[in-house]
C-alpha atoms as a PDB file:
ATOM      1  CA  MET A   1      44.441  74.345 185.285  1.00  0.00           C
ATOM      2  CA  SER A   2      41.750  76.754 186.400  1.00  0.00           C
ATOM      3  CA  GLY A   3      43.185  76.564 189.936  1.00  0.00           C
ATOM      4  CA  HIS A   4      45.889  78.988 188.827  1.00  0.00           C
ATOM      5  CA  ALA A   5      43.371  81.667 187.818  1.00  0.00           C
ATOM      6  CA  SER A   6      42.772  82.715 191.434  1.00  0.00           C
ATOM      7  CA  GLU A   7      46.531  83.172 191.963  1.00  0.00           C
ATOM      8  CA  ILE A   8      47.081  85.455 188.966  1.00  0.00           C
ATOM      9  CA  ARG A   9      47.081  89.175 189.713  1.00  0.00           C
ATOM     10  CA  GLU A  10      47.322  92.399 187.723  1.00  0.00           C
ATOM     11  CA  HIS A  11      50.874  93.456 186.759  1.00  0.00           C
ATOM     12  CA  MET A  12      52.411  89.985 187.193  1.00  0.00           C
ATOM     13  CA  GLU A  13      55.050  89.098 184.609  1.00  0.00           C
ATOM     14  CA  VAL A  14      54.200  86.212 182.281  1.00  0.00           C
ATOM     15  CA  VAL A  15      57.209  84.143 181.207  1.00  0.00           C
ATOM     16  CA  GLY A  16      57.651  81.114 179.016  1.00  0.00           C
ATOM     17  CA  SER A  17      59.067  77.791 180.178  1.00  0.00           C
ATOM     18  CA  ASP A  18      62.442  79.104 178.985  1.00  0.00           C
ATOM     19  CA  GLY A  19      62.167  82.161 181.265  1.00  0.00           C
ATOM     20  CA  GLY A  20      61.637  84.544 178.334  1.00  0.00           C
ATOM     21  CA  HIS A  21      59.281  87.492 178.794  1.00  0.00           C
ATOM     22  CA  VAL A  22      55.866  87.009 177.183  1.00  0.00           C
ATOM     23  CA  GLY A  23      53.877  89.853 178.674  1.00  0.00           C
ATOM     24  CA  THR A  24      52.345  91.497 181.710  1.00  0.00           C
ATOM     25  CA  VAL A  25      48.972  90.543 183.148  1.00  0.00           C
ATOM     26  CA  ASP A  26      46.249  93.130 182.679  1.00  0.00           C
ATOM     27  CA  LYS A  27      43.637  90.825 184.233  1.00  0.00           C
ATOM     28  CA  VAL A  28      42.060  87.390 184.066  1.00  0.00           C
ATOM     29  CA  GLU A  29      38.881  87.153 181.998  1.00  0.00           C
ATOM     30  CA  GLY A  30      37.172  83.781 182.322  1.00  0.00           C
ATOM     31  CA  ASP A  31      39.676  81.141 181.232  1.00  0.00           C
ATOM     32  CA  GLN A  32      41.996  83.674 179.552  1.00  0.00           C
ATOM     33  CA  ILE A  33      44.865  85.866 180.744  1.00  0.00           C
ATOM     34  CA  LYS A  34      44.537  89.323 179.203  1.00  0.00           C
ATOM     35  CA  LEU A  35      47.965  90.878 178.580  1.00  0.00           C
ATOM     36  CA  THR A  36      48.650  94.607 178.669  1.00  0.00           C
ATOM     37  CA  LYS A  37      48.775  96.458 175.359  1.00  0.00           C
ATOM     38  CA  LYS A  38      52.429  97.391 175.872  1.00  0.00           C
ATOM     39  CA  ASP A  39      53.296  93.702 175.414  1.00  0.00           C
ATOM     40  CA  ASP A  40      51.331  93.385 172.184  1.00  0.00           C
ATOM     41  CA  PRO A  41      53.085  90.511 170.333  1.00  0.00           C
ATOM     42  CA  ASP A  42      52.579  92.202 166.958  1.00  0.00           C
ATOM     43  CA  GLY A  43      54.646  95.138 168.228  1.00  0.00           C
ATOM     44  CA  SER A  44      52.035  97.832 167.635  1.00  0.00           C
ATOM     45  CA  GLY A  45      51.084  98.338 171.281  1.00  0.00           C
ATOM     46  CA  GLN A  46      47.479  98.776 170.179  1.00  0.00           C
ATOM     47  CA  HIS A  47      45.907  95.449 171.112  1.00  0.00           C
ATOM     48  CA  HIS A  48      45.350  93.354 174.180  1.00  0.00           C
ATOM     49  CA  HIS A  49      46.282  89.728 173.591  1.00  0.00           C
ATOM     50  CA  TYR A  50      45.048  86.690 175.470  1.00  0.00           C
ATOM     51  CA  LEU A  51      46.568  83.417 176.613  1.00  0.00           C
ATOM     52  CA  ALA A  52      44.643  80.377 177.791  1.00  0.00           C
ATOM     53  CA  ILE A  53      44.825  79.690 181.534  1.00  0.00           C
ATOM     54  CA  GLY A  54      45.572  76.086 180.542  1.00  0.00           C
ATOM     55  CA  MET A  55      49.042  77.247 179.432  1.00  0.00           C
ATOM     56  CA  VAL A  56      49.984  78.145 183.026  1.00  0.00           C
ATOM     57  CA  ALA A  57      52.471  75.735 184.585  1.00  0.00           C
ATOM     58  CA  SER A  58      52.931  77.615 187.868  1.00  0.00           C
ATOM     59  CA  VAL A  59      52.484  80.912 189.680  1.00  0.00           C
ATOM     60  CA  GLU A  60      55.419  81.882 191.881  1.00  0.00           C
ATOM     61  CA  GLY A  61      55.831  85.257 193.528  1.00  0.00           C
ATOM     62  CA  ASP A  62      55.051  87.929 190.921  1.00  0.00           C
ATOM     63  CA  ARG A  63      55.575  85.604 187.981  1.00  0.00           C
ATOM     64  CA  VAL A  64      53.276  83.415 185.902  1.00  0.00           C
ATOM     65  CA  LYS A  65      55.271  80.628 184.247  1.00  0.00           C
ATOM     66  CA  LEU A  66      53.821  78.943 181.164  1.00  0.00           C
ATOM     67  CA  ASN A  67      54.214  75.371 179.967  1.00  0.00           C
ATOM     68  CA  VAL A  68      55.479  76.548 176.546  1.00  0.00           C
ATOM     69  CA  ASP A  69      58.493  78.697 175.682  1.00  0.00           C
ATOM     70  CA  ALA A  70      58.117  82.455 175.247  1.00  0.00           C
ATOM     71  CA  ARG A  71      58.243  82.404 171.460  1.00  0.00           C
ATOM     72  CA  GLN A  72      55.529  79.761 171.203  1.00  0.00           C
ATOM     73  CA  ALA A  73      53.383  81.615 173.759  1.00  0.00           C
ATOM     74  CA  ARG A  74      53.605  84.849 171.750  1.00  0.00           C
ATOM     75  CA  ASP A  75      52.674  82.904 168.609  1.00  0.00           C
ATOM     76  CA  LEU A  76      49.653  81.379 170.387  1.00  0.00           C
ATOM     77  CA  ALA A  77      48.427  84.672 171.850  1.00  0.00           C
ATOM     78  CA  THR A  78      45.188  85.853 170.295  1.00  0.00           C
ATOM     79  CA  ALA A  79      44.069  89.422 169.667  1.00  0.00           C
ATOM     80  CA  THR A  80      40.610  88.635 171.007  1.00  0.00           C
ATOM     81  CA  GLY A  81      39.283  86.754 174.002  1.00  0.00           C
ATOM     82  CA  GLY A  82      38.226  83.835 171.818  1.00  0.00           C
ATOM     83  CA  SER A  83      39.968  80.545 171.181  1.00  0.00           C
ATOM     84  CA  PRO A  84      43.595  80.704 170.052  1.00  0.00           C
ATOM     85  CA  ALA A  85      44.040  80.820 166.295  1.00  0.00           C
ATOM     86  CA  SER A  86      45.702  77.808 164.744  1.00  0.00           C
ATOM     87  CA  SER A  87      48.403  79.888 163.104  1.00  0.00           C
ATOM     88  CA  GLY A  88      50.047  82.743 164.932  1.00  0.00           C
ATOM     89  CA  MET A  89      48.431  85.630 166.704  1.00  0.00           C
ATOM     90  CA  GLY A  90      44.992  85.388 165.210  1.00  0.00           C
ATOM     91  CA  GLY A  91      43.299  88.367 163.639  1.00  0.00           C
ATOM     92  CA  MET A  92      45.303  91.510 163.994  1.00  0.00           C
ATOM     93  CA  SER A  93      42.327  93.815 163.704  1.00  0.00           C
ATOM     94  CA  ALA A  94      41.240  95.703 166.799  1.00  0.00           C
ATOM     95  CA  SER A  95      38.115  94.282 168.360  1.00  0.00           C
END
């Protein structure tokens, strides 16, 4: 799991297991992938969202492929660097 963290670079595309676009890597923070604001799953473009490194299935070329489909990944993304919320995108307030 954490072995993928060293392979993940800024500006890589993050895709679900179905190949659907989830976001673009801003950077890796601890055991989380921080996505750029432009890929904010709530559509506002105002928040960074985070995905757990444990969701990474592989890193190939300029692409991070997750072990869940794109829709599920967007639903699991959190608006803070904390643990994923159990329902949806977590708190939508800016932190």
